Amino acid sequence: MTKLFATGLAAGLASALLFAAIVGGSPFGIMLFYLTSLPLLIAGLGWGWMSAAIGALAGALSTGIAAGPYAGLLFLVSVGVPAAILSYLALLSRVDADGQTEWYPVGRLVFATAIMGTVLIAATIMLIGGDLSAYRDVLVTMLGDMATAGGSENSDPEQIGLVADRMVALLPAASGMMWLAMTLLNLYIAGRIVRASSRLVRPWPDIARLELPLMTSVALAVAIGLWLVGGVIGKIASAATAILMLCLALVGLGIIHVVSRSISARGFLLAGLYLSILMIFWPLVLLAMLGAIEPRLRLRDRQSPPQTPST
């Protein structure tokens, strides 16, 4: 118990330091900020969810003392609580009728993360009452300064205002996708680290074969419908749509990983795919469509699973 508490405390303080790294505004600080949940997830996967929960409270308390109660609450809600829940679900298991241990499916873990991300974005939007005018004003000033410094002829205030409006409209969706992507990436890295230290109790799954719950496509259709409603509900639904599409895109990526295992130029294919995703948005949409129809096509079932899952 003492070791569990000490590990959680150390993880919480480390996460709090990473959380504070964004204050400087440097690119390196932002990169460290994106790793905020990593120490908590390492503690949770290696020493149990209670260790992650202790770290969440310690990180929130230290952040609150250093930067104020609002910052501490933000750390707890956006980093601490999700890390503890994901640690609990990742290590959740049951014994079936044949005496075999069944672990919580990776697809359901991804879907649970998507739910938490949607709730987090919804809470943020409700907290500010759906009013993003202050953020829009900052964008207008920034875009105006950039246009002036670059000597651009497109420095018309009305045009700049339209660009700022589009950016504000995309903010909930972009924030939700970024949170989901970084949380899942940190969970993956934490799992690898804990596995390398031989403390991971569950077998490493074949992540490329993850299957989302069937309700994912239904939830996406509902989110798209609510998006068209507009207003605060539309902003929340836009975030939910982006988050669920990213989940389905991960399934699509898994399909590409599995079906390309027999291709000699697999490395170049995957590198080009990931590079295109970083440069433009549309590949994610196509991957999400592929992931959505996978329950009917079952493309991965036509491929032989590898002896040791690695992707």
C-alpha atoms as a PDB file:
ATOM      1  CA  MET A   1       0.000   0.000   0.000  1.00  0.00           C
ATOM      2  CA  THR A   2       2.855   2.369   0.780  1.00  0.00           C
ATOM      3  CA  LYS A   3       4.474   1.685  -2.585  1.00  0.00           C
ATOM      4  CA  LEU A   4       1.144   2.194  -4.360  1.00  0.00           C
ATOM      5  CA  PHE A   5       0.672   5.546  -2.614  1.00  0.00           C
ATOM      6  CA  ALA A   6       4.257   6.656  -3.265  1.00  0.00           C
ATOM      7  CA  THR A   7       4.039   5.692  -6.938  1.00  0.00           C
ATOM      8  CA  GLY A   8       0.764   7.547  -7.359  1.00  0.00           C
ATOM      9  CA  LEU A   9       2.116  10.619  -5.594  1.00  0.00           C
ATOM     10  CA  ALA A  10       5.230  10.701  -7.777  1.00  0.00           C
ATOM     11  CA  ALA A  11       3.143  10.214 -10.933  1.00  0.00           C
ATOM     12  CA  GLY A  12       0.789  13.008  -9.907  1.00  0.00           C
ATOM     13  CA  LEU A  13       3.609  15.468  -9.278  1.00  0.00           C
ATOM     14  CA  ALA A  14       5.239  14.532 -12.593  1.00  0.00           C
ATOM     15  CA  SER A  15       1.946  15.060 -14.426  1.00  0.00           C
ATOM     16  CA  ALA A  16       1.472  18.409 -12.712  1.00  0.00           C
ATOM     17  CA  LEU A  17       4.899  19.529 -13.923  1.00  0.00           C
ATOM     18  CA  LEU A  18       4.059  18.461 -17.479  1.00  0.00           C
ATOM     19  CA  PHE A  19       0.711  20.243 -17.195  1.00  0.00           C
ATOM     20  CA  ALA A  20       2.516  23.447 -16.225  1.00  0.00           C
ATOM     21  CA  ALA A  21       4.920  23.184 -19.174  1.00  0.00           C
ATOM     22  CA  ILE A  22       2.452  24.939 -21.467  1.00  0.00           C
ATOM     23  CA  VAL A  23       2.802  28.176 -19.486  1.00  0.00           C
ATOM     24  CA  GLY A  24       6.048  29.045 -21.255  1.00  0.00           C
ATOM     25  CA  GLY A  25       4.380  28.750 -24.666  1.00  0.00           C
ATOM     26  CA  SER A  26       7.470  27.223 -26.295  1.00  0.00           C
ATOM     27  CA  PRO A  27       7.069  24.327 -28.785  1.00  0.00           C
ATOM     28  CA  PHE A  28       8.979  22.032 -26.428  1.00  0.00           C
ATOM     29  CA  GLY A  29       6.715  23.032 -23.556  1.00  0.00           C
ATOM     30  CA  ILE A  30       3.634  22.271 -25.635  1.00  0.00           C
ATOM     31  CA  MET A  31       5.049  18.840 -26.513  1.00  0.00           C
ATOM     32  CA  LEU A  32       5.590  18.127 -22.815  1.00  0.00           C
ATOM     33  CA  PHE A  33       2.059  19.305 -22.056  1.00  0.00           C
ATOM     34  CA  TYR A  34       0.647  16.698 -24.426  1.00  0.00           C
ATOM     35  CA  LEU A  35       2.327  14.008 -22.284  1.00  0.00           C
ATOM     36  CA  THR A  36       0.567  15.154 -19.094  1.00  0.00           C
ATOM     37  CA  SER A  37      -1.440  11.968 -18.588  1.00  0.00           C
ATOM     38  CA  LEU A  38       1.480   9.621 -19.320  1.00  0.00           C
ATOM     39  CA  PRO A  39       2.886   9.336 -15.742  1.00  0.00           C
ATOM     40  CA  LEU A  40      -0.602   8.711 -14.340  1.00  0.00           C
ATOM     41  CA  LEU A  41      -1.329   6.020 -16.928  1.00  0.00           C
ATOM     42  CA  ILE A  42       2.006   4.331 -16.235  1.00  0.00           C
ATOM     43  CA  ALA A  43       1.167   4.255 -12.524  1.00  0.00           C
ATOM     44  CA  GLY A  44      -2.355   3.038 -13.234  1.00  0.00           C
ATOM     45  CA  LEU A  45      -1.379   0.228 -15.610  1.00  0.00           C
ATOM     46  CA  GLY A  46       1.588  -0.863 -13.517  1.00  0.00           C
ATOM     47  CA  TRP A  47       0.265  -0.479  -9.972  1.00  0.00           C
ATOM     48  CA  GLY A  48      -3.508  -0.365 -10.409  1.00  0.00           C
ATOM     49  CA  TRP A  49      -6.132   2.301 -10.914  1.00  0.00           C
ATOM     50  CA  MET A  50      -5.962   3.363  -7.256  1.00  0.00           C
ATOM     51  CA  SER A  51      -2.411   4.529  -7.850  1.00  0.00           C
ATOM     52  CA  ALA A  52      -3.602   6.632 -10.800  1.00  0.00           C
ATOM     53  CA  ALA A  53      -6.435   8.028  -8.666  1.00  0.00           C
ATOM     54  CA  ILE A  54      -3.995   9.025  -5.930  1.00  0.00           C
ATOM     55  CA  GLY A  55      -1.816  10.665  -8.563  1.00  0.00           C
ATOM     56  CA  ALA A  56      -4.819  12.503  -9.987  1.00  0.00           C
ATOM     57  CA  LEU A  57      -5.639  14.002  -6.603  1.00  0.00           C
ATOM     58  CA  ALA A  58      -1.996  14.851  -5.899  1.00  0.00           C
ATOM     59  CA  GLY A  59      -1.564  16.479  -9.313  1.00  0.00           C
ATOM     60  CA  ALA A  60      -4.786  18.467  -8.971  1.00  0.00           C
ATOM     61  CA  LEU A  61      -3.857  19.653  -5.484  1.00  0.00           C
ATOM     62  CA  SER A  62      -0.337  20.725  -6.463  1.00  0.00           C
ATOM     63  CA  THR A  63      -1.619  22.418  -9.624  1.00  0.00           C
ATOM     64  CA  GLY A  64      -4.302  24.199  -7.616  1.00  0.00           C
ATOM     65  CA  ILE A  65      -1.762  25.471  -5.080  1.00  0.00           C
ATOM     66  CA  ALA A  66       0.623  26.669  -7.799  1.00  0.00           C
ATOM     67  CA  ALA A  67      -1.825  28.094 -10.343  1.00  0.00           C
ATOM     68  CA  GLY A  68      -5.150  28.480  -8.593  1.00  0.00           C
ATOM     69  CA  PRO A  69      -8.214  26.303  -7.935  1.00  0.00           C
ATOM     70  CA  TYR A  70      -9.526  26.557 -11.510  1.00  0.00           C
ATOM     71  CA  ALA A  71      -6.286  25.139 -12.918  1.00  0.00           C
ATOM     72  CA  GLY A  72      -6.389  22.347 -10.340  1.00  0.00           C
ATOM     73  CA  LEU A  73      -9.965  21.489 -11.278  1.00  0.00           C
ATOM     74  CA  LEU A  74      -9.051  21.552 -14.966  1.00  0.00           C
ATOM     75  CA  PHE A  75      -6.189  19.114 -14.323  1.00  0.00           C
ATOM     76  CA  LEU A  76      -8.442  16.788 -12.340  1.00  0.00           C
ATOM     77  CA  VAL A  77     -11.247  16.720 -14.921  1.00  0.00           C
ATOM     78  CA  SER A  78      -9.232  16.658 -18.149  1.00  0.00           C
ATOM     79  CA  VAL A  79      -6.255  14.543 -17.053  1.00  0.00           C
ATOM     80  CA  GLY A  80      -6.632  12.887 -13.651  1.00  0.00           C
ATOM     81  CA  VAL A  81     -10.097  11.351 -13.770  1.00  0.00           C
ATOM     82  CA  PRO A  82      -9.769  10.012 -17.356  1.00  0.00           C
ATOM     83  CA  ALA A  83      -6.395   8.423 -16.511  1.00  0.00           C
ATOM     84  CA  ALA A  84      -7.844   6.658 -13.462  1.00  0.00           C
ATOM     85  CA  ILE A  85     -10.909   5.430 -15.391  1.00  0.00           C
ATOM     86  CA  LEU A  86      -8.852   4.185 -18.334  1.00  0.00           C
ATOM     87  CA  SER A  87      -6.446   2.388 -15.994  1.00  0.00           C
ATOM     88  CA  TYR A  88      -9.392   0.678 -14.298  1.00  0.00           C
ATOM     89  CA  LEU A  89     -10.997  -0.384 -17.587  1.00  0.00           C
ATOM     90  CA  ALA A  90      -7.709  -1.535 -19.157  1.00  0.00           C
ATOM     91  CA  LEU A  91      -7.108  -3.949 -16.259  1.00  0.00           C
ATOM     92  CA  LEU A  92     -10.741  -5.059 -15.965  1.00  0.00           C
ATOM     93  CA  SER A  93     -11.235  -8.783 -16.579  1.00  0.00           C
ATOM     94  CA  ARG A  94     -13.571 -11.688 -15.947  1.00  0.00           C
ATOM     95  CA  VAL A  95     -13.409 -15.472 -16.164  1.00  0.00           C
ATOM     96  CA  ASP A  96     -15.719 -17.107 -18.699  1.00  0.00           C
ATOM     97  CA  ALA A  97     -17.499 -20.455 -18.452  1.00  0.00           C
ATOM     98  CA  ASP A  98     -14.426 -22.261 -19.816  1.00  0.00           C
ATOM     99  CA  GLY A  99     -12.167 -20.787 -17.170  1.00  0.00           C
ATOM    100  CA  GLN A 100     -10.477 -18.414 -19.620  1.00  0.00           C
ATOM    101  CA  THR A 101      -9.731 -14.833 -18.631  1.00  0.00           C
ATOM    102  CA  GLU A 102     -11.468 -12.225 -20.758  1.00  0.00           C
ATOM    103  CA  TRP A 103      -9.986  -8.734 -20.690  1.00  0.00           C
ATOM    104  CA  TYR A 104     -11.869  -5.517 -21.360  1.00  0.00           C
ATOM    105  CA  PRO A 105     -11.860  -5.153 -25.186  1.00  0.00           C
ATOM    106  CA  VAL A 106      -9.604  -2.507 -26.707  1.00  0.00           C
ATOM    107  CA  GLY A 107     -12.463  -1.253 -28.881  1.00  0.00           C
ATOM    108  CA  ARG A 108     -14.643  -0.575 -25.856  1.00  0.00           C
ATOM    109  CA  LEU A 109     -11.687   1.158 -24.217  1.00  0.00           C
ATOM    110  CA  VAL A 110     -11.431   3.484 -27.224  1.00  0.00           C
ATOM    111  CA  PHE A 111     -15.194   4.095 -27.166  1.00  0.00           C
ATOM    112  CA  ALA A 112     -15.090   4.893 -23.446  1.00  0.00           C
ATOM    113  CA  THR A 113     -12.326   7.412 -24.137  1.00  0.00           C
ATOM    114  CA  ALA A 114     -14.490   8.973 -26.836  1.00  0.00           C
ATOM    115  CA  ILE A 115     -17.370   9.331 -24.375  1.00  0.00           C
ATOM    116  CA  MET A 116     -15.105  11.024 -21.840  1.00  0.00           C
ATOM    117  CA  GLY A 117     -13.751  13.373 -24.504  1.00  0.00           C
ATOM    118  CA  THR A 118     -17.271  14.344 -25.600  1.00  0.00           C
ATOM    119  CA  VAL A 119     -18.380  14.963 -22.011  1.00  0.00           C
ATOM    120  CA  LEU A 120     -15.271  17.053 -21.380  1.00  0.00           C
ATOM    121  CA  ILE A 121     -15.848  19.250 -24.451  1.00  0.00           C
ATOM    122  CA  ALA A 122     -19.554  19.566 -23.628  1.00  0.00           C
ATOM    123  CA  ALA A 123     -18.750  20.648 -20.059  1.00  0.00           C
ATOM    124  CA  THR A 124     -16.278  23.222 -21.356  1.00  0.00           C
ATOM    125  CA  ILE A 125     -18.801  24.670 -23.812  1.00  0.00           C
ATOM    126  CA  MET A 126     -21.536  24.789 -21.162  1.00  0.00           C
ATOM    127  CA  LEU A 127     -19.149  26.410 -18.698  1.00  0.00           C
ATOM    128  CA  ILE A 128     -18.543  29.338 -21.019  1.00  0.00           C
ATOM    129  CA  GLY A 129     -22.179  29.375 -22.070  1.00  0.00           C
ATOM    130  CA  GLY A 130     -21.318  28.685 -25.683  1.00  0.00           C
ATOM    131  CA  ASP A 131     -19.841  32.172 -25.912  1.00  0.00           C
ATOM    132  CA  LEU A 132     -16.546  32.107 -27.783  1.00  0.00           C
ATOM    133  CA  SER A 133     -16.480  35.818 -28.525  1.00  0.00           C
ATOM    134  CA  ALA A 134     -13.373  36.465 -26.405  1.00  0.00           C
ATOM    135  CA  TYR A 135     -11.488  33.729 -28.251  1.00  0.00           C
ATOM    136  CA  ARG A 136     -12.738  35.128 -31.567  1.00  0.00           C
ATOM    137  CA  ASP A 137     -11.436  38.585 -30.663  1.00  0.00           C
ATOM    138  CA  VAL A 138      -7.997  37.131 -29.965  1.00  0.00           C
ATOM    139  CA  LEU A 139      -8.048  35.330 -33.321  1.00  0.00           C
ATOM    140  CA  VAL A 140      -9.060  38.497 -35.177  1.00  0.00           C
ATOM    141  CA  THR A 141      -6.183  40.422 -33.590  1.00  0.00           C
ATOM    142  CA  MET A 142      -3.701  37.639 -34.309  1.00  0.00           C
ATOM    143  CA  LEU A 143      -4.810  37.194 -37.929  1.00  0.00           C
ATOM    144  CA  GLY A 144      -4.719  40.958 -38.475  1.00  0.00           C
ATOM    145  CA  ASP A 145      -1.186  41.191 -37.113  1.00  0.00           C
ATOM    146  CA  MET A 146      -0.087  38.278 -39.304  1.00  0.00           C
ATOM    147  CA  ALA A 147      -1.603  39.866 -42.406  1.00  0.00           C
ATOM    148  CA  THR A 148       0.051  43.199 -41.658  1.00  0.00           C
ATOM    149  CA  ALA A 149       3.447  41.658 -40.912  1.00  0.00           C
ATOM    150  CA  GLY A 150       3.318  39.572 -44.072  1.00  0.00           C
ATOM    151  CA  GLY A 151       2.317  42.484 -46.242  1.00  0.00           C
ATOM    152  CA  SER A 152      -0.765  40.565 -47.375  1.00  0.00           C
ATOM    153  CA  GLU A 153      -3.357  42.331 -49.468  1.00  0.00           C
ATOM    154  CA  ASN A 154      -6.093  40.223 -47.824  1.00  0.00           C
ATOM    155  CA  SER A 155      -6.126  42.297 -44.645  1.00  0.00           C
ATOM    156  CA  ASP A 156      -9.757  43.365 -45.002  1.00  0.00           C
ATOM    157  CA  PRO A 157     -11.314  43.313 -41.483  1.00  0.00           C
ATOM    158  CA  GLU A 158     -14.473  41.645 -42.809  1.00  0.00           C
ATOM    159  CA  GLN A 159     -12.480  38.863 -44.468  1.00  0.00           C
ATOM    160  CA  ILE A 160     -10.399  38.371 -41.326  1.00  0.00           C
ATOM    161  CA  GLY A 161     -13.614  38.172 -39.303  1.00  0.00           C
ATOM    162  CA  LEU A 162     -14.974  35.429 -41.589  1.00  0.00           C
ATOM    163  CA  VAL A 163     -11.771  33.409 -41.202  1.00  0.00           C
ATOM    164  CA  ALA A 164     -11.929  33.812 -37.419  1.00  0.00           C
ATOM    165  CA  ASP A 165     -15.575  32.656 -37.414  1.00  0.00           C
ATOM    166  CA  ARG A 166     -14.622  29.498 -39.307  1.00  0.00           C
ATOM    167  CA  MET A 167     -11.781  28.781 -36.874  1.00  0.00           C
ATOM    168  CA  VAL A 168     -14.075  29.269 -33.866  1.00  0.00           C
ATOM    169  CA  ALA A 169     -16.645  26.937 -35.427  1.00  0.00           C
ATOM    170  CA  LEU A 170     -13.983  24.240 -35.797  1.00  0.00           C
ATOM    171  CA  LEU A 171     -12.591  24.717 -32.284  1.00  0.00           C
ATOM    172  CA  PRO A 172     -14.797  22.184 -30.398  1.00  0.00           C
ATOM    173  CA  ALA A 173     -14.219  19.470 -33.014  1.00  0.00           C
ATOM    174  CA  ALA A 174     -10.476  20.104 -33.221  1.00  0.00           C
ATOM    175  CA  SER A 175     -10.122  20.182 -29.431  1.00  0.00           C
ATOM    176  CA  GLY A 176     -12.051  16.927 -29.062  1.00  0.00           C
ATOM    177  CA  MET A 177      -9.992  15.113 -31.688  1.00  0.00           C
ATOM    178  CA  MET A 178      -6.726  16.370 -30.205  1.00  0.00           C
ATOM    179  CA  TRP A 179      -7.707  15.296 -26.686  1.00  0.00           C
ATOM    180  CA  LEU A 180      -8.753  11.835 -27.871  1.00  0.00           C
ATOM    181  CA  ALA A 181      -5.639  11.343 -30.004  1.00  0.00           C
ATOM    182  CA  MET A 182      -3.214  12.396 -27.259  1.00  0.00           C
ATOM    183  CA  THR A 183      -5.018  10.411 -24.547  1.00  0.00           C
ATOM    184  CA  LEU A 184      -4.961   7.219 -26.619  1.00  0.00           C
ATOM    185  CA  LEU A 185      -1.341   7.822 -27.629  1.00  0.00           C
ATOM    186  CA  ASN A 186      -0.335   8.263 -23.985  1.00  0.00           C
ATOM    187  CA  LEU A 187      -2.251   5.098 -23.087  1.00  0.00           C
ATOM    188  CA  TYR A 188      -0.385   3.182 -25.802  1.00  0.00           C
ATOM    189  CA  ILE A 189       3.023   4.523 -24.703  1.00  0.00           C
ATOM    190  CA  ALA A 190       2.235   3.793 -21.056  1.00  0.00           C
ATOM    191  CA  GLY A 191       1.232   0.239 -21.961  1.00  0.00           C
ATOM    192  CA  ARG A 192       4.488  -0.293 -23.843  1.00  0.00           C
ATOM    193  CA  ILE A 193       6.554   1.045 -20.946  1.00  0.00           C
ATOM    194  CA  VAL A 194       4.737  -1.045 -18.346  1.00  0.00           C
ATOM    195  CA  ARG A 195       4.940  -4.107 -20.576  1.00  0.00           C
ATOM    196  CA  ALA A 196       8.700  -3.627 -20.997  1.00  0.00           C
ATOM    197  CA  SER A 197       9.039  -3.553 -17.206  1.00  0.00           C
ATOM    198  CA  SER A 198       7.045  -6.832 -16.959  1.00  0.00           C
ATOM    199  CA  ARG A 199       4.376  -5.205 -14.780  1.00  0.00           C
ATOM    200  CA  LEU A 200       1.557  -5.344 -17.347  1.00  0.00           C
ATOM    201  CA  VAL A 201      -0.786  -8.101 -16.172  1.00  0.00           C
ATOM    202  CA  ARG A 202      -2.970  -8.321 -19.289  1.00  0.00           C
ATOM    203  CA  PRO A 203      -1.680  -9.779 -22.567  1.00  0.00           C
ATOM    204  CA  TRP A 204      -0.777  -7.262 -25.251  1.00  0.00           C
ATOM    205  CA  PRO A 205      -3.683  -7.137 -27.733  1.00  0.00           C
ATOM    206  CA  ASP A 206      -3.497  -6.975 -31.505  1.00  0.00           C
ATOM    207  CA  ILE A 207      -4.467  -3.302 -31.634  1.00  0.00           C
ATOM    208  CA  ALA A 208      -4.822  -3.376 -35.415  1.00  0.00           C
ATOM    209  CA  ARG A 209      -7.808  -5.692 -34.945  1.00  0.00           C
ATOM    210  CA  LEU A 210      -9.711  -3.465 -32.524  1.00  0.00           C
ATOM    211  CA  GLU A 211     -13.476  -3.519 -32.995  1.00  0.00           C
ATOM    212  CA  LEU A 212     -15.675  -0.705 -31.768  1.00  0.00           C
ATOM    213  CA  PRO A 213     -19.103  -1.392 -30.247  1.00  0.00           C
ATOM    214  CA  LEU A 214     -21.867  -1.511 -32.846  1.00  0.00           C
ATOM    215  CA  MET A 215     -23.467   1.531 -31.198  1.00  0.00           C
ATOM    216  CA  THR A 216     -20.571   3.701 -32.448  1.00  0.00           C
ATOM    217  CA  SER A 217     -22.034   4.164 -35.933  1.00  0.00           C
ATOM    218  CA  VAL A 218     -25.473   4.881 -34.452  1.00  0.00           C
ATOM    219  CA  ALA A 219     -23.978   7.450 -32.076  1.00  0.00           C
ATOM    220  CA  LEU A 220     -22.168   9.062 -35.018  1.00  0.00           C
ATOM    221  CA  ALA A 221     -25.400   9.343 -37.018  1.00  0.00           C
ATOM    222  CA  VAL A 222     -27.156  10.960 -34.042  1.00  0.00           C
ATOM    223  CA  ALA A 223     -24.242  13.368 -33.525  1.00  0.00           C
ATOM    224  CA  ILE A 224     -24.325  14.431 -37.184  1.00  0.00           C
ATOM    225  CA  GLY A 225     -28.075  15.049 -36.926  1.00  0.00           C
ATOM    226  CA  LEU A 226     -27.678  17.187 -33.805  1.00  0.00           C
ATOM    227  CA  TRP A 227     -24.802  19.055 -35.439  1.00  0.00           C
ATOM    228  CA  LEU A 228     -27.279  20.387 -37.999  1.00  0.00           C
ATOM    229  CA  VAL A 229     -29.426  21.827 -35.199  1.00  0.00           C
ATOM    230  CA  GLY A 230     -26.845  24.517 -34.530  1.00  0.00           C
ATOM    231  CA  GLY A 231     -26.363  26.581 -31.406  1.00  0.00           C
ATOM    232  CA  VAL A 232     -24.699  25.167 -28.302  1.00  0.00           C
ATOM    233  CA  ILE A 233     -26.104  21.700 -29.054  1.00  0.00           C
ATOM    234  CA  GLY A 234     -24.581  21.894 -32.521  1.00  0.00           C
ATOM    235  CA  LYS A 235     -21.162  22.820 -31.133  1.00  0.00           C
ATOM    236  CA  ILE A 236     -21.218  19.870 -28.733  1.00  0.00           C
ATOM    237  CA  ALA A 237     -22.436  17.572 -31.518  1.00  0.00           C
ATOM    238  CA  SER A 238     -19.659  18.759 -33.827  1.00  0.00           C
ATOM    239  CA  ALA A 239     -17.116  17.671 -31.220  1.00  0.00           C
ATOM    240  CA  ALA A 240     -18.873  14.318 -30.776  1.00  0.00           C
ATOM    241  CA  THR A 241     -18.924  13.830 -34.563  1.00  0.00           C
ATOM    242  CA  ALA A 242     -15.197  14.519 -34.897  1.00  0.00           C
ATOM    243  CA  ILE A 243     -14.331  12.288 -31.943  1.00  0.00           C
ATOM    244  CA  LEU A 244     -16.405   9.339 -33.179  1.00  0.00           C
ATOM    245  CA  MET A 245     -15.054   9.744 -36.714  1.00  0.00           C
ATOM    246  CA  LEU A 246     -11.529   9.558 -35.331  1.00  0.00           C
ATOM    247  CA  CYS A 247     -12.451   6.340 -33.499  1.00  0.00           C
ATOM    248  CA  LEU A 248     -13.715   4.815 -36.742  1.00  0.00           C
ATOM    249  CA  ALA A 249     -10.620   6.095 -38.549  1.00  0.00           C
ATOM    250  CA  LEU A 250      -8.508   4.127 -36.072  1.00  0.00           C
ATOM    251  CA  VAL A 251     -10.402   1.004 -37.142  1.00  0.00           C
ATOM    252  CA  GLY A 252      -9.691   1.954 -40.742  1.00  0.00           C
ATOM    253  CA  LEU A 253      -6.001   2.322 -39.915  1.00  0.00           C
ATOM    254  CA  GLY A 254      -6.102  -1.084 -38.301  1.00  0.00           C
ATOM    255  CA  ILE A 255      -7.533  -2.557 -41.505  1.00  0.00           C
ATOM    256  CA  ILE A 256      -4.687  -1.061 -43.534  1.00  0.00           C
ATOM    257  CA  HIS A 257      -2.152  -2.403 -41.033  1.00  0.00           C
ATOM    258  CA  VAL A 258      -3.606  -5.918 -41.193  1.00  0.00           C
ATOM    259  CA  VAL A 259      -4.166  -6.257 -44.939  1.00  0.00           C
ATOM    260  CA  SER A 260      -0.731  -4.776 -45.716  1.00  0.00           C
ATOM    261  CA  ARG A 261       1.179  -7.329 -43.637  1.00  0.00           C
ATOM    262  CA  SER A 262       1.872  -9.399 -46.741  1.00  0.00           C
ATOM    263  CA  ILE A 263       3.046  -6.435 -48.845  1.00  0.00           C
ATOM    264  CA  SER A 264       6.792  -6.052 -49.217  1.00  0.00           C
ATOM    265  CA  ALA A 265       6.616  -2.244 -49.428  1.00  0.00           C
ATOM    266  CA  ARG A 266       4.443  -2.063 -46.305  1.00  0.00           C
ATOM    267  CA  GLY A 267       6.723   0.411 -44.541  1.00  0.00           C
ATOM    268  CA  PHE A 268       6.575   2.934 -47.389  1.00  0.00           C
ATOM    269  CA  LEU A 269       2.796   2.501 -47.673  1.00  0.00           C
ATOM    270  CA  LEU A 270       2.178   3.157 -43.986  1.00  0.00           C
ATOM    271  CA  ALA A 271       4.651   6.041 -43.876  1.00  0.00           C
ATOM    272  CA  GLY A 272       2.902   7.702 -46.810  1.00  0.00           C
ATOM    273  CA  LEU A 273      -0.497   7.164 -45.213  1.00  0.00           C
ATOM    274  CA  TYR A 274       0.492   8.704 -41.894  1.00  0.00           C
ATOM    275  CA  LEU A 275       2.222  11.598 -43.640  1.00  0.00           C
ATOM    276  CA  SER A 276      -0.912  12.332 -45.670  1.00  0.00           C
ATOM    277  CA  ILE A 277      -3.001  12.286 -42.475  1.00  0.00           C
ATOM    278  CA  LEU A 278      -0.725  14.881 -40.910  1.00  0.00           C
ATOM    279  CA  MET A 279      -0.874  17.101 -43.990  1.00  0.00           C
ATOM    280  CA  ILE A 280      -4.569  16.942 -44.944  1.00  0.00           C
ATOM    281  CA  PHE A 281      -7.826  15.924 -43.275  1.00  0.00           C
ATOM    282  CA  TRP A 282      -9.573  13.868 -45.958  1.00  0.00           C
ATOM    283  CA  PRO A 283      -7.660  10.584 -45.442  1.00  0.00           C
ATOM    284  CA  LEU A 284      -9.170  10.413 -41.947  1.00  0.00           C
ATOM    285  CA  VAL A 285     -12.656  10.715 -43.426  1.00  0.00           C
ATOM    286  CA  LEU A 286     -11.963   7.890 -45.887  1.00  0.00           C
ATOM    287  CA  LEU A 287     -10.490   5.754 -43.104  1.00  0.00           C
ATOM    288  CA  ALA A 288     -13.550   6.448 -40.940  1.00  0.00           C
ATOM    289  CA  MET A 289     -15.821   5.306 -43.786  1.00  0.00           C
ATOM    290  CA  LEU A 290     -13.729   2.148 -44.127  1.00  0.00           C
ATOM    291  CA  GLY A 291     -13.962   1.554 -40.387  1.00  0.00           C
ATOM    292  CA  ALA A 292     -17.725   2.069 -40.430  1.00  0.00           C
ATOM    293  CA  ILE A 293     -18.327  -0.668 -43.048  1.00  0.00           C
ATOM    294  CA  GLU A 294     -15.796  -3.122 -41.576  1.00  0.00           C
ATOM    295  CA  PRO A 295     -18.481  -4.974 -39.524  1.00  0.00           C
ATOM    296  CA  ARG A 296     -20.035  -5.989 -42.868  1.00  0.00           C
ATOM    297  CA  LEU A 297     -16.908  -6.488 -44.968  1.00  0.00           C
ATOM    298  CA  ARG A 298     -14.800  -8.229 -42.271  1.00  0.00           C
ATOM    299  CA  LEU A 299     -11.647  -7.537 -44.284  1.00  0.00           C
ATOM    300  CA  ARG A 300      -9.343  -8.355 -41.380  1.00  0.00           C
ATOM    301  CA  ASP A 301     -10.948 -11.757 -40.852  1.00  0.00           C
ATOM    302  CA  ARG A 302      -9.674 -12.765 -44.283  1.00  0.00           C
ATOM    303  CA  GLN A 303      -6.094 -12.273 -43.093  1.00  0.00           C
ATOM    304  CA  SER A 304      -4.174 -14.655 -40.856  1.00  0.00           C
ATOM    305  CA  PRO A 305      -3.339 -13.109 -37.470  1.00  0.00           C
ATOM    306  CA  PRO A 306       0.359 -12.693 -36.677  1.00  0.00           C
ATOM    307  CA  GLN A 307       2.057 -14.981 -34.202  1.00  0.00           C
ATOM    308  CA  THR A 308       2.897 -12.034 -31.924  1.00  0.00           C
ATOM    309  CA  PRO A 309       0.660  -8.950 -32.195  1.00  0.00           C
ATOM    310  CA  SER A 310       2.797  -5.888 -32.741  1.00  0.00           C
ATOM    311  CA  THR A 311       0.568  -3.249 -34.335  1.00  0.00           C
END
